[in-house]
Protein backbone atom coordinates (compact mmCIF):
# COMPACT_ATOMS: atom_id res chain seq x y z
CA MET A 1 45.30 94.67 16.02
CA LYS A 2 42.43 96.45 17.66
CA LEU A 3 39.05 96.62 15.88
CA SER A 4 36.41 99.22 16.36
CA LYS A 5 32.79 98.19 16.87
CA ARG A 6 32.00 99.39 13.36
CA GLN A 7 34.76 97.28 11.82
CA LEU A 8 33.68 94.24 13.82
CA LYS A 9 30.05 94.66 12.69
CA GLN A 10 31.19 94.92 9.06
CA ILE A 11 33.23 91.72 9.36
CA ILE A 12 30.31 89.89 10.96
CA ARG A 13 27.85 91.09 8.27
CA ARG A 14 30.24 90.11 5.49
CA THR A 15 30.81 86.68 7.05
CA ILE A 16 27.07 86.06 7.45
CA ASN A 17 26.34 87.12 3.86
CA GLU A 18 29.09 84.88 2.50
CA SER A 19 28.04 81.91 4.63
CA GLU A 20 24.42 82.15 3.43
CA ASP A 21 25.64 81.38 -0.08
CA ILE A 22 27.47 78.30 1.15
CA TYR A 23 25.04 77.19 3.86
CA PRO A 24 21.55 78.44 2.99
CA ARG A 25 19.34 79.33 5.89
CA PRO A 26 16.94 76.46 6.60
CA GLN A 27 13.29 77.08 5.95
CA HIS A 28 10.83 77.02 8.77
CA PRO A 29 8.90 73.70 8.61
CA MET A 30 5.56 75.49 8.21
CA ILE A 31 6.86 77.39 5.16
CA ALA A 32 8.31 74.22 3.66
CA ASN A 33 4.99 72.41 4.19
CA ALA A 34 3.04 75.28 2.65
CA ASN A 35 5.30 75.21 -0.41
CA ALA A 36 4.85 71.45 -0.77
CA ASP A 37 1.07 71.80 -0.36
CA ALA A 38 0.93 74.52 -3.02
CA ARG A 39 2.98 72.37 -5.40
CA ASN A 40 0.70 69.38 -4.82
CA ARG A 41 -2.40 71.54 -5.41
CA MET A 42 -0.97 72.73 -8.73
CA ILE A 43 -0.25 69.14 -9.78
CA ASP A 44 -3.79 68.08 -8.82
CA ILE A 45 -5.41 70.95 -10.73
CA ILE A 46 -3.35 70.31 -13.86
CA ALA A 47 -3.91 66.54 -13.66
CA ASP A 48 -7.67 66.97 -13.24
CA THR A 49 -7.82 69.35 -16.19
CA LEU A 50 -5.79 67.01 -18.39
CA CYS A 51 -8.00 64.04 -17.47
CA ASN A 52 -11.21 65.98 -18.13
CA ILE A 53 -10.08 67.36 -21.47
CA THR A 54 -8.07 64.48 -22.92
CA GLY A 55 -9.69 61.45 -21.32
CA LEU A 56 -6.27 59.96 -20.51
CA THR A 57 -5.82 57.68 -17.52
CA PRO A 58 -5.29 59.36 -14.14
CA HIS A 59 -1.78 57.88 -13.87
CA VAL A 60 -0.70 59.45 -17.16
CA CYS A 61 -2.30 62.77 -16.22
CA ASP A 62 -0.49 62.79 -12.85
CA LYS A 63 2.88 62.13 -14.49
CA ALA A 64 2.27 64.83 -17.10
CA ALA A 65 1.19 67.31 -14.43
CA GLU A 66 4.30 66.61 -12.34
CA GLU A 67 6.50 67.22 -15.39
CA ILE A 68 4.66 70.46 -16.23
CA VAL A 69 5.13 71.78 -12.69
CA ALA A 70 8.80 70.72 -12.65
CA GLN A 71 9.43 72.57 -15.92
CA MET A 72 7.64 75.68 -14.62
CA GLU A 73 9.78 75.59 -11.46
CA ARG A 74 12.98 75.30 -13.52
CA GLU A 75 11.92 78.34 -15.53
CA GLY A 76 11.11 80.27 -12.35
CA LEU A 77 7.44 80.61 -13.19
CA CYS A 78 6.23 79.21 -9.89
């Protein structure tokens, strides 16, 4: 069976699109680090605010802030 260039390109595109669902494209390390830094900054800001307002211990505030950010990520808010 002989394929035209157009048919071959369509097969390649379809294969790439399907494989991205199975094997997601890896993130560039700089992007991954930036995302981790942004997440850590959000946790720090929330923890500092909780400590200042409630007077709870820093350890409790950090745990609460981590949970808040995790819930926001699950909901797609950040």
